[in-house]
Amino acid sequence: MELKDFASSVSKRINSFMEGYLKNFDDDAASLKEAMEYGLLLGGKRARPLLVYATGMALGQSQDRLDYAAAAVECIHAYSLIHDDMPEMDNDKLRRGRETVHVKFGQTLALLAGDALQTLAFEILSDKKSGFSDKSVANLTRILSSKAGYSGMCGGQAIDLDSEGKKLSYKQLRLLHSKKTGALIRAAVLMGAYSCDNASEEDIAVLDEYATWTGLAFQVWDDVLDVIGDTAVMGKTQGADINLDKSTYPSLLGLEESKKFAQECAEKAIAALSKLKMDTSLLEQFALFTVNRDH
C-alpha cells in the first residue's frame, strides 16, 4: 500500500476513535471537554498513530486493538503541543493553521486540557475493551510514560527552554532532540510492537533502531522547514525557532548540510529494517516522507 493512502485511512480511523471516546464523557466540565476536543482533533499528520499501526500490522496485529495504543500516544502528543504553544513555553499563536488552544480558550483551560489529555492517554491504554493482556498494558504504559516523561519528551522540552540564546554543540543538540522529538516517535514504534504477543526482543531492538534514526530525521527536517517552510503550508509560524534564538541543525551545520544529514538519517532507518523478515514497506516509506515533506 502507498503511504499516502495508508495515512489517509489511519487518520480518519484514529480521529473517529478519539472523537468517539471523548463524546462518551459527560458535560459536567463542558468548557474543558471542548478545549480537549479542539486540541486533540485540530488536525495534523497523525504521524505517531501511523507508526503504531504500521508497526503493529507488520507483526500481524489487528487495527481494532492498535486503536488504543495509537490514541494513547496521540493524546500525549496533543497535550505536549498545547503546553508547548503557551506563553510560558514557545508562545505560539498558530497551530495547524488555526488558533492555538490558549489563544482560543485562555491559558487556564489550555493548561487543564493538556493535563486531562495526558491522563486520558493512560485511561485509554488501560481500557478493558482494548483486549490487551495485563502484561501488555504494563509494557505499553511503561514505554509511553518513560518516553513522555523526564527521560524523554519533558526532559527534552526542559533542555530546549534552557538552551534558548545559547549555542549548543552537535552532541548537545542530538541529546536534546533525541528526547524532545525522538522519544515519542520511538514510543509509537515500540508500542506498535509491544501490542503484539509474537514480537521478539530481537525484532523490537531493530525497530527501535529504525525509530531512533527516523526520529532524528524528522527533527532535522523540522529545523530545515523552520528556515525554508511556508507558514500557510506548515500551519505554524515559519521562523519560530529562529525568533526564539534556539539552536537548530541549520544554525549549527548550515542549511544544505542539514538537508544532507536528514537524508542520511532516513537511509540509516531504512537500512535497519532490512534485518527484519516482515513487510516493512510502510515504515520505509515513512522514513523517506520525513525528509521530503513541506509541513
C-alpha atoms as a PDB file:
ATOM      1  CA  MET A   1       0.000   0.000   0.000  1.00  0.00           C
ATOM      2  CA  GLU A   2       1.150   3.535  -0.719  1.00  0.00           C
ATOM      3  CA  LEU A   3       1.924   5.610   2.373  1.00  0.00           C
ATOM      4  CA  LYS A   4      -0.386   8.431   1.259  1.00  0.00           C
ATOM      5  CA  ASP A   5      -3.401   6.103   1.108  1.00  0.00           C
ATOM      6  CA  PHE A   6      -2.486   4.402   4.376  1.00  0.00           C
ATOM      7  CA  ALA A   7      -2.003   7.761   6.112  1.00  0.00           C
ATOM      8  CA  SER A   8      -5.408   8.978   4.959  1.00  0.00           C
ATOM      9  CA  SER A   9      -7.048   5.756   6.128  1.00  0.00           C
ATOM     10  CA  VAL A  10      -5.481   5.664   9.597  1.00  0.00           C
ATOM     11  CA  SER A  11      -6.004   9.403  10.094  1.00  0.00           C
ATOM     12  CA  LYS A  12      -9.745   9.008   9.578  1.00  0.00           C
ATOM     13  CA  ARG A  13      -9.766   5.912  11.748  1.00  0.00           C
ATOM     14  CA  ILE A  14      -7.903   7.401  14.714  1.00  0.00           C
ATOM     15  CA  ASN A  15      -9.821  10.679  14.531  1.00  0.00           C
ATOM     16  CA  SER A  16     -13.116   8.777  14.649  1.00  0.00           C
ATOM     17  CA  PHE A  17     -11.889   6.641  17.550  1.00  0.00           C
ATOM     18  CA  MET A  18     -10.675   9.601  19.613  1.00  0.00           C
ATOM     19  CA  GLU A  19     -13.765  11.691  18.861  1.00  0.00           C
ATOM     20  CA  GLY A  20     -15.994   8.822  19.929  1.00  0.00           C
ATOM     21  CA  TYR A  21     -14.023   8.352  23.139  1.00  0.00           C
ATOM     22  CA  LEU A  22     -14.411  11.999  24.130  1.00  0.00           C
ATOM     23  CA  LYS A  23     -18.105  12.068  23.194  1.00  0.00           C
ATOM     24  CA  ASN A  24     -18.735   9.434  25.863  1.00  0.00           C
ATOM     25  CA  PHE A  25     -17.638  11.845  28.587  1.00  0.00           C
ATOM     26  CA  ASP A  26     -20.324  13.744  30.486  1.00  0.00           C
ATOM     27  CA  ASP A  27     -20.697  17.511  30.111  1.00  0.00           C
ATOM     28  CA  ASP A  28     -20.069  18.421  33.746  1.00  0.00           C
ATOM     29  CA  ALA A  29     -16.984  20.410  32.686  1.00  0.00           C
ATOM     30  CA  ALA A  30     -18.198  21.262  29.203  1.00  0.00           C
ATOM     31  CA  SER A  31     -15.666  24.002  28.504  1.00  0.00           C
ATOM     32  CA  LEU A  32     -12.760  21.711  29.404  1.00  0.00           C
ATOM     33  CA  LYS A  33     -14.185  18.955  27.213  1.00  0.00           C
ATOM     34  CA  GLU A  34     -14.466  21.398  24.314  1.00  0.00           C
ATOM     35  CA  ALA A  35     -10.859  22.545  24.750  1.00  0.00           C
ATOM     36  CA  MET A  36      -9.679  18.927  24.873  1.00  0.00           C
ATOM     37  CA  GLU A  37     -11.584  18.086  21.683  1.00  0.00           C
ATOM     38  CA  TYR A  38     -10.185  21.151  19.957  1.00  0.00           C
ATOM     39  CA  GLY A  39      -6.593  20.367  20.924  1.00  0.00           C
ATOM     40  CA  LEU A  40      -6.852  16.661  20.123  1.00  0.00           C
ATOM     41  CA  LEU A  41      -8.861  16.851  16.904  1.00  0.00           C
ATOM     42  CA  LEU A  42      -7.266  20.000  15.468  1.00  0.00           C
ATOM     43  CA  GLY A  43      -5.739  18.010  12.624  1.00  0.00           C
ATOM     44  CA  GLY A  44      -2.147  17.191  11.810  1.00  0.00           C
ATOM     45  CA  LYS A  45      -0.249  14.374  10.165  1.00  0.00           C
ATOM     46  CA  ARG A  46      -1.102  11.757  12.833  1.00  0.00           C
ATOM     47  CA  ALA A  47       2.454  10.521  12.296  1.00  0.00           C
ATOM     48  CA  ARG A  48       2.738   8.773  15.644  1.00  0.00           C
ATOM     49  CA  PRO A  49      -0.531   6.814  15.344  1.00  0.00           C
ATOM     50  CA  LEU A  50       0.536   5.900  11.807  1.00  0.00           C
ATOM     51  CA  LEU A  51       3.743   4.389  13.189  1.00  0.00           C
ATOM     52  CA  VAL A  52       1.785   2.414  15.786  1.00  0.00           C
ATOM     53  CA  TYR A  53      -0.478   0.964  13.089  1.00  0.00           C
ATOM     54  CA  ALA A  54       2.292   0.340  10.545  1.00  0.00           C
ATOM     55  CA  THR A  55       4.464  -1.471  13.092  1.00  0.00           C
ATOM     56  CA  GLY A  56       1.682  -3.477  14.694  1.00  0.00           C
ATOM     57  CA  MET A  57       0.170  -4.509  11.368  1.00  0.00           C
ATOM     58  CA  ALA A  58       3.589  -5.643  10.089  1.00  0.00           C
ATOM     59  CA  LEU A  59       3.621  -8.015  13.062  1.00  0.00           C
ATOM     60  CA  GLY A  60       0.080  -9.219  12.378  1.00  0.00           C
ATOM     61  CA  GLN A  61      -1.911  -7.230  14.938  1.00  0.00           C
ATOM     62  CA  SER A  62      -5.471  -6.057  14.198  1.00  0.00           C
ATOM     63  CA  GLN A  63      -6.286  -2.383  13.780  1.00  0.00           C
ATOM     64  CA  ASP A  64      -9.076  -2.694  16.371  1.00  0.00           C
ATOM     65  CA  ARG A  65      -6.542  -3.423  19.090  1.00  0.00           C
ATOM     66  CA  LEU A  66      -3.980  -0.943  17.782  1.00  0.00           C
ATOM     67  CA  ASP A  67      -6.585   1.846  18.020  1.00  0.00           C
ATOM     68  CA  TYR A  68      -5.998   2.060  21.761  1.00  0.00           C
ATOM     69  CA  ALA A  69      -2.210   2.314  21.589  1.00  0.00           C
ATOM     70  CA  ALA A  70      -2.403   4.785  18.696  1.00  0.00           C
ATOM     71  CA  ALA A  71      -4.900   7.011  20.505  1.00  0.00           C
ATOM     72  CA  ALA A  72      -2.833   6.965  23.688  1.00  0.00           C
ATOM     73  CA  VAL A  73       0.345   8.184  22.007  1.00  0.00           C
ATOM     74  CA  GLU A  74      -1.599  10.871  20.119  1.00  0.00           C
ATOM     75  CA  CYS A  75      -3.156  12.137  23.371  1.00  0.00           C
ATOM     76  CA  ILE A  76       0.352  12.604  24.761  1.00  0.00           C
ATOM     77  CA  HIS A  77       1.466  14.345  21.583  1.00  0.00           C
ATOM     78  CA  ALA A  78      -1.570  16.672  21.619  1.00  0.00           C
ATOM     79  CA  TYR A  79      -1.078  17.603  25.264  1.00  0.00           C
ATOM     80  CA  SER A  80       2.566  18.396  24.614  1.00  0.00           C
ATOM     81  CA  LEU A  81       1.675  20.728  21.743  1.00  0.00           C
ATOM     82  CA  ILE A  82      -0.922  22.559  23.829  1.00  0.00           C
ATOM     83  CA  HIS A  83       1.591  23.215  26.596  1.00  0.00           C
ATOM     84  CA  ASP A  84       4.448  23.903  24.158  1.00  0.00           C
ATOM     85  CA  ASP A  85       2.423  26.657  22.469  1.00  0.00           C
ATOM     86  CA  MET A  86       1.637  28.501  25.717  1.00  0.00           C
ATOM     87  CA  PRO A  87       3.290  31.840  26.615  1.00  0.00           C
ATOM     88  CA  GLU A  88       5.415  30.181  29.301  1.00  0.00           C
ATOM     89  CA  MET A  89       6.975  27.973  26.621  1.00  0.00           C
ATOM     90  CA  ASP A  90       7.118  28.994  22.928  1.00  0.00           C
ATOM     91  CA  ASN A  91       4.199  31.452  22.924  1.00  0.00           C
ATOM     92  CA  ASP A  92       2.850  30.335  19.535  1.00  0.00           C
ATOM     93  CA  LYS A  93      -0.427  31.735  18.234  1.00  0.00           C
ATOM     94  CA  LEU A  94      -0.854  29.342  15.317  1.00  0.00           C
ATOM     95  CA  ARG A  95      -1.031  25.558  15.202  1.00  0.00           C
ATOM     96  CA  ARG A  96      -2.083  23.587  12.126  1.00  0.00           C
ATOM     97  CA  GLY A  97      -3.383  26.763  10.553  1.00  0.00           C
ATOM     98  CA  ARG A  98      -5.722  27.605  13.444  1.00  0.00           C
ATOM     99  CA  GLU A  99      -5.570  29.430  16.768  1.00  0.00           C
ATOM    100  CA  THR A 100      -3.638  27.589  19.436  1.00  0.00           C
ATOM    101  CA  VAL A 101      -5.650  26.294  22.384  1.00  0.00           C
ATOM    102  CA  HIS A 102      -4.585  29.003  24.837  1.00  0.00           C
ATOM    103  CA  VAL A 103      -5.459  31.717  22.309  1.00  0.00           C
ATOM    104  CA  LYS A 104      -8.929  30.295  21.729  1.00  0.00           C
ATOM    105  CA  PHE A 105      -9.802  29.149  25.260  1.00  0.00           C
ATOM    106  CA  GLY A 106      -7.441  31.034  27.560  1.00  0.00           C
ATOM    107  CA  GLN A 107      -4.348  29.881  29.390  1.00  0.00           C
ATOM    108  CA  THR A 108      -6.112  28.236  32.345  1.00  0.00           C
ATOM    109  CA  LEU A 109      -8.267  25.947  30.227  1.00  0.00           C
ATOM    110  CA  ALA A 110      -5.346  25.206  27.911  1.00  0.00           C
ATOM    111  CA  LEU A 111      -3.279  24.067  30.894  1.00  0.00           C
ATOM    112  CA  LEU A 112      -6.092  21.847  32.142  1.00  0.00           C
ATOM    113  CA  ALA A 113      -6.833  20.486  28.666  1.00  0.00           C
ATOM    114  CA  GLY A 114      -3.217  19.400  28.339  1.00  0.00           C
ATOM    115  CA  ASP A 115      -3.286  17.815  31.788  1.00  0.00           C
ATOM    116  CA  ALA A 116      -6.527  15.976  31.033  1.00  0.00           C
ATOM    117  CA  LEU A 117      -5.262  14.663  27.679  1.00  0.00           C
ATOM    118  CA  GLN A 118      -2.129  13.355  29.367  1.00  0.00           C
ATOM    119  CA  THR A 119      -4.156  11.320  31.834  1.00  0.00           C
ATOM    120  CA  LEU A 120      -6.594  10.285  29.090  1.00  0.00           C
ATOM    121  CA  ALA A 121      -3.721   8.512  27.323  1.00  0.00           C
ATOM    122  CA  PHE A 122      -3.356   6.070  30.202  1.00  0.00           C
ATOM    123  CA  GLU A 123      -7.101   5.736  30.694  1.00  0.00           C
ATOM    124  CA  ILE A 124      -7.342   4.585  27.070  1.00  0.00           C
ATOM    125  CA  LEU A 125      -4.372   2.216  27.403  1.00  0.00           C
ATOM    126  CA  SER A 126      -5.928   0.517  30.427  1.00  0.00           C
ATOM    127  CA  ASP A 127      -9.427   0.270  28.913  1.00  0.00           C
ATOM    128  CA  LYS A 128     -10.535  -3.364  29.198  1.00  0.00           C
ATOM    129  CA  LYS A 129     -12.233  -3.129  25.802  1.00  0.00           C
ATOM    130  CA  SER A 130      -8.795  -2.953  24.170  1.00  0.00           C
ATOM    131  CA  GLY A 131      -8.286  -6.686  24.569  1.00  0.00           C
ATOM    132  CA  PHE A 132      -4.734  -6.185  25.826  1.00  0.00           C
ATOM    133  CA  SER A 133      -3.468  -8.546  28.497  1.00  0.00           C
ATOM    134  CA  ASP A 134      -2.370  -7.079  31.818  1.00  0.00           C
ATOM    135  CA  LYS A 135       1.229  -7.739  30.771  1.00  0.00           C
ATOM    136  CA  SER A 136       0.752  -5.812  27.530  1.00  0.00           C
ATOM    137  CA  VAL A 137      -0.874  -2.892  29.345  1.00  0.00           C
ATOM    138  CA  ALA A 138       2.064  -2.784  31.761  1.00  0.00           C
ATOM    139  CA  ASN A 139       4.578  -2.792  28.888  1.00  0.00           C
ATOM    140  CA  LEU A 140       2.707  -0.141  26.911  1.00  0.00           C
ATOM    141  CA  THR A 141       2.297   2.066  29.985  1.00  0.00           C
ATOM    142  CA  ARG A 142       5.987   1.716  30.841  1.00  0.00           C
ATOM    143  CA  ILE A 143       7.053   2.696  27.340  1.00  0.00           C
ATOM    144  CA  LEU A 144       4.720   5.664  26.980  1.00  0.00           C
ATOM    145  CA  SER A 145       5.322   7.080  30.456  1.00  0.00           C
ATOM    146  CA  SER A 146       9.104   6.817  30.211  1.00  0.00           C
ATOM    147  CA  LYS A 147       9.327   8.251  26.686  1.00  0.00           C
ATOM    148  CA  ALA A 148       6.948  11.096  27.545  1.00  0.00           C
ATOM    149  CA  GLY A 149       8.419  11.963  30.935  1.00  0.00           C
ATOM    150  CA  TYR A 150      11.684  13.154  32.447  1.00  0.00           C
ATOM    151  CA  SER A 151      13.870  10.758  30.487  1.00  0.00           C
ATOM    152  CA  GLY A 152      12.104  11.606  27.234  1.00  0.00           C
ATOM    153  CA  MET A 153       9.902  14.370  25.906  1.00  0.00           C
ATOM    154  CA  CYS A 154       9.525  16.502  29.052  1.00  0.00           C
ATOM    155  CA  GLY A 155      13.236  16.349  29.731  1.00  0.00           C
ATOM    156  CA  GLY A 156      13.885  17.397  26.150  1.00  0.00           C
ATOM    157  CA  GLN A 157      11.486  20.310  26.455  1.00  0.00           C
ATOM    158  CA  ALA A 158      13.280  21.492  29.580  1.00  0.00           C
ATOM    159  CA  ILE A 159      16.666  21.298  27.851  1.00  0.00           C
ATOM    160  CA  ASP A 160      15.194  23.160  24.873  1.00  0.00           C
ATOM    161  CA  LEU A 161      13.900  26.017  27.045  1.00  0.00           C
ATOM    162  CA  ASP A 162      17.193  26.248  28.919  1.00  0.00           C
ATOM    163  CA  SER A 163      19.082  26.374  25.623  1.00  0.00           C
ATOM    164  CA  GLU A 164      17.409  29.484  24.190  1.00  0.00           C
ATOM    165  CA  GLY A 165      20.038  32.081  23.405  1.00  0.00           C
ATOM    166  CA  LYS A 166      22.843  29.535  23.792  1.00  0.00           C
ATOM    167  CA  LYS A 167      24.914  27.813  21.137  1.00  0.00           C
ATOM    168  CA  LEU A 168      24.721  24.079  21.643  1.00  0.00           C
ATOM    169  CA  SER A 169      27.311  21.617  20.406  1.00  0.00           C
ATOM    170  CA  TYR A 170      26.318  18.872  17.972  1.00  0.00           C
ATOM    171  CA  LYS A 171      26.331  16.334  20.839  1.00  0.00           C
ATOM    172  CA  GLN A 172      24.087  18.538  22.981  1.00  0.00           C
ATOM    173  CA  LEU A 173      21.680  19.132  20.112  1.00  0.00           C
ATOM    174  CA  ARG A 174      21.466  15.389  19.402  1.00  0.00           C
ATOM    175  CA  LEU A 175      20.670  14.746  23.069  1.00  0.00           C
ATOM    176  CA  LEU A 176      18.007  17.461  23.142  1.00  0.00           C
ATOM    177  CA  HIS A 177      16.164  16.186  20.089  1.00  0.00           C
ATOM    178  CA  SER A 178      16.543  12.504  20.959  1.00  0.00           C
ATOM    179  CA  LYS A 179      14.371  13.374  23.946  1.00  0.00           C
ATOM    180  CA  LYS A 180      12.105  16.177  22.729  1.00  0.00           C
ATOM    181  CA  THR A 181      11.017  14.650  19.406  1.00  0.00           C
ATOM    182  CA  GLY A 182      12.717  11.296  19.042  1.00  0.00           C
ATOM    183  CA  ALA A 183      11.448   9.737  22.266  1.00  0.00           C
ATOM    184  CA  LEU A 184       7.767   9.880  21.317  1.00  0.00           C
ATOM    185  CA  ILE A 185       8.469   8.547  17.818  1.00  0.00           C
ATOM    186  CA  ARG A 186      10.344   5.673  19.424  1.00  0.00           C
ATOM    187  CA  ALA A 187       7.396   5.183  21.766  1.00  0.00           C
ATOM    188  CA  ALA A 188       4.985   4.925  18.818  1.00  0.00           C
ATOM    189  CA  VAL A 189       7.029   2.222  17.082  1.00  0.00           C
ATOM    190  CA  LEU A 190       7.690   0.303  20.287  1.00  0.00           C
ATOM    191  CA  MET A 191       4.024   0.452  21.292  1.00  0.00           C
ATOM    192  CA  GLY A 192       3.058  -0.969  17.915  1.00  0.00           C
ATOM    193  CA  ALA A 193       5.498  -3.810  18.543  1.00  0.00           C
ATOM    194  CA  TYR A 194       4.507  -4.462  22.156  1.00  0.00           C
ATOM    195  CA  SER A 195       0.855  -4.546  21.130  1.00  0.00           C
ATOM    196  CA  CYS A 196       1.719  -7.896  19.556  1.00  0.00           C
ATOM    197  CA  ASP A 197       2.392 -11.017  21.592  1.00  0.00           C
ATOM    198  CA  ASN A 198       4.613 -12.507  18.883  1.00  0.00           C
ATOM    199  CA  ALA A 199       7.217  -9.716  18.697  1.00  0.00           C
ATOM    200  CA  SER A 200      10.674 -10.997  19.602  1.00  0.00           C
ATOM    201  CA  GLU A 201      13.121  -8.898  21.581  1.00  0.00           C
ATOM    202  CA  GLU A 202      15.488  -9.035  18.598  1.00  0.00           C
ATOM    203  CA  ASP A 203      12.859  -7.600  16.266  1.00  0.00           C
ATOM    204  CA  ILE A 204      11.934  -4.948  18.829  1.00  0.00           C
ATOM    205  CA  ALA A 205      15.582  -3.868  19.103  1.00  0.00           C
ATOM    206  CA  VAL A 206      15.775  -3.453  15.318  1.00  0.00           C
ATOM    207  CA  LEU A 207      12.514  -1.500  15.246  1.00  0.00           C
ATOM    208  CA  ASP A 208      13.856   0.757  17.987  1.00  0.00           C
ATOM    209  CA  GLU A 209      16.967   1.392  15.901  1.00  0.00           C
ATOM    210  CA  TYR A 210      14.719   2.320  12.976  1.00  0.00           C
ATOM    211  CA  ALA A 211      12.666   4.626  15.191  1.00  0.00           C
ATOM    212  CA  THR A 212      15.762   6.345  16.592  1.00  0.00           C
ATOM    213  CA  TRP A 213      17.068   7.261  13.132  1.00  0.00           C
ATOM    214  CA  THR A 214      13.589   8.201  11.890  1.00  0.00           C
ATOM    215  CA  GLY A 215      13.013  10.469  14.869  1.00  0.00           C
ATOM    216  CA  LEU A 216      16.304  12.232  14.219  1.00  0.00           C
ATOM    217  CA  ALA A 217      15.497  12.645  10.522  1.00  0.00           C
ATOM    218  CA  PHE A 218      12.077  14.034  11.470  1.00  0.00           C
ATOM    219  CA  GLN A 219      13.524  16.674  13.794  1.00  0.00           C
ATOM    220  CA  VAL A 220      16.354  17.729  11.486  1.00  0.00           C
ATOM    221  CA  TRP A 221      13.820  18.246   8.708  1.00  0.00           C
ATOM    222  CA  ASP A 222      11.562  20.208  11.082  1.00  0.00           C
ATOM    223  CA  ASP A 223      14.520  22.518  11.666  1.00  0.00           C
ATOM    224  CA  VAL A 224      15.003  22.826   7.901  1.00  0.00           C
ATOM    225  CA  LEU A 225      11.330  23.700   7.425  1.00  0.00           C
ATOM    226  CA  ASP A 226      11.630  26.403  10.077  1.00  0.00           C
ATOM    227  CA  VAL A 227      14.032  28.097   7.640  1.00  0.00           C
ATOM    228  CA  ILE A 228      12.523  27.326   4.239  1.00  0.00           C
ATOM    229  CA  GLY A 229       8.911  26.421   5.015  1.00  0.00           C
ATOM    230  CA  ASP A 230       5.763  28.350   4.176  1.00  0.00           C
ATOM    231  CA  THR A 231       3.604  29.346   7.166  1.00  0.00           C
ATOM    232  CA  ALA A 232       0.422  28.774   5.161  1.00  0.00           C
ATOM    233  CA  VAL A 233       1.510  25.254   4.217  1.00  0.00           C
ATOM    234  CA  MET A 234       3.011  24.259   7.564  1.00  0.00           C
ATOM    235  CA  GLY A 235       0.115  25.606   9.619  1.00  0.00           C
ATOM    236  CA  LYS A 236       2.525  27.105  12.144  1.00  0.00           C
ATOM    237  CA  THR A 237       4.714  30.169  12.156  1.00  0.00           C
ATOM    238  CA  GLN A 238       7.778  29.911   9.909  1.00  0.00           C
ATOM    239  CA  GLY A 239      10.960  31.082  11.632  1.00  0.00           C
ATOM    240  CA  ALA A 240       9.603  30.488  15.143  1.00  0.00           C
ATOM    241  CA  ASP A 241      12.776  28.746  16.327  1.00  0.00           C
ATOM    242  CA  ILE A 242      14.960  31.466  14.811  1.00  0.00           C
ATOM    243  CA  ASN A 243      12.928  34.159  16.579  1.00  0.00           C
ATOM    244  CA  LEU A 244      13.412  32.378  19.901  1.00  0.00           C
ATOM    245  CA  ASP A 245      17.166  32.120  19.222  1.00  0.00           C
ATOM    246  CA  LYS A 246      17.110  28.323  19.525  1.00  0.00           C
ATOM    247  CA  SER A 247      19.952  26.080  18.480  1.00  0.00           C
ATOM    248  CA  THR A 248      18.922  24.150  15.373  1.00  0.00           C
ATOM    249  CA  TYR A 249      20.678  21.919  12.876  1.00  0.00           C
ATOM    250  CA  PRO A 250      20.752  24.631  10.165  1.00  0.00           C
ATOM    251  CA  SER A 251      22.270  27.113  12.616  1.00  0.00           C
ATOM    252  CA  LEU A 252      24.893  24.533  13.600  1.00  0.00           C
ATOM    253  CA  LEU A 253      25.587  22.711  10.327  1.00  0.00           C
ATOM    254  CA  GLY A 254      24.205  25.069   7.706  1.00  0.00           C
ATOM    255  CA  LEU A 255      21.056  24.546   5.635  1.00  0.00           C
ATOM    256  CA  GLU A 256      22.434  22.296   2.895  1.00  0.00           C
ATOM    257  CA  GLU A 257      24.425  20.111   5.288  1.00  0.00           C
ATOM    258  CA  SER A 258      21.297  19.751   7.436  1.00  0.00           C
ATOM    259  CA  LYS A 259      19.299  18.565   4.432  1.00  0.00           C
ATOM    260  CA  LYS A 260      22.027  16.058   3.637  1.00  0.00           C
ATOM    261  CA  PHE A 261      22.195  14.859   7.245  1.00  0.00           C
ATOM    262  CA  ALA A 262      18.427  14.348   7.380  1.00  0.00           C
ATOM    263  CA  GLN A 263      18.595  12.210   4.233  1.00  0.00           C
ATOM    264  CA  GLU A 264      21.426  10.138   5.735  1.00  0.00           C
ATOM    265  CA  CYS A 265      19.366   9.517   8.881  1.00  0.00           C
ATOM    266  CA  ALA A 266      16.398   8.327   6.799  1.00  0.00           C
ATOM    267  CA  GLU A 267      18.691   5.986   4.857  1.00  0.00           C
ATOM    268  CA  LYS A 268      20.054   4.508   8.095  1.00  0.00           C
ATOM    269  CA  ALA A 269      16.499   3.958   9.330  1.00  0.00           C
ATOM    270  CA  ILE A 270      15.649   2.044   6.167  1.00  0.00           C
ATOM    271  CA  ALA A 271      18.875   0.043   6.365  1.00  0.00           C
ATOM    272  CA  ALA A 272      17.922  -1.122   9.857  1.00  0.00           C
ATOM    273  CA  LEU A 273      14.617  -2.507   8.567  1.00  0.00           C
ATOM    274  CA  SER A 274      16.449  -4.794   6.145  1.00  0.00           C
ATOM    275  CA  LYS A 275      17.258  -7.025   9.127  1.00  0.00           C
ATOM    276  CA  LEU A 276      13.572  -7.891   9.627  1.00  0.00           C
ATOM    277  CA  LYS A 277      11.646 -10.730   7.999  1.00  0.00           C
ATOM    278  CA  MET A 278       8.321  -8.919   7.634  1.00  0.00           C
ATOM    279  CA  ASP A 279       6.689  -6.399   5.330  1.00  0.00           C
ATOM    280  CA  THR A 280       8.161  -3.057   6.419  1.00  0.00           C
ATOM    281  CA  SER A 281       7.296  -1.130   3.249  1.00  0.00           C
ATOM    282  CA  LEU A 282       5.089   1.386   5.087  1.00  0.00           C
ATOM    283  CA  LEU A 283       7.807   2.072   7.644  1.00  0.00           C
ATOM    284  CA  GLU A 284      10.339   2.529   4.848  1.00  0.00           C
ATOM    285  CA  GLN A 285       8.048   4.971   3.059  1.00  0.00           C
ATOM    286  CA  PHE A 286       7.522   6.896   6.293  1.00  0.00           C
ATOM    287  CA  ALA A 287      11.268   7.338   6.780  1.00  0.00           C
ATOM    288  CA  LEU A 288      11.501   8.835   3.294  1.00  0.00           C
ATOM    289  CA  PHE A 289       8.438  11.000   3.922  1.00  0.00           C
ATOM    290  CA  THR A 290      10.060  12.606   6.950  1.00  0.00           C
ATOM    291  CA  VAL A 291      12.694  14.259   4.763  1.00  0.00           C
ATOM    292  CA  ASN A 292      10.521  15.083   1.737  1.00  0.00           C
ATOM    293  CA  ARG A 293       7.584  16.841   3.401  1.00  0.00           C
ATOM    294  CA  ASP A 294       6.634  20.503   3.284  1.00  0.00           C
ATOM    295  CA  HIS A 295       4.827  20.550   6.647  1.00  0.00           C
END
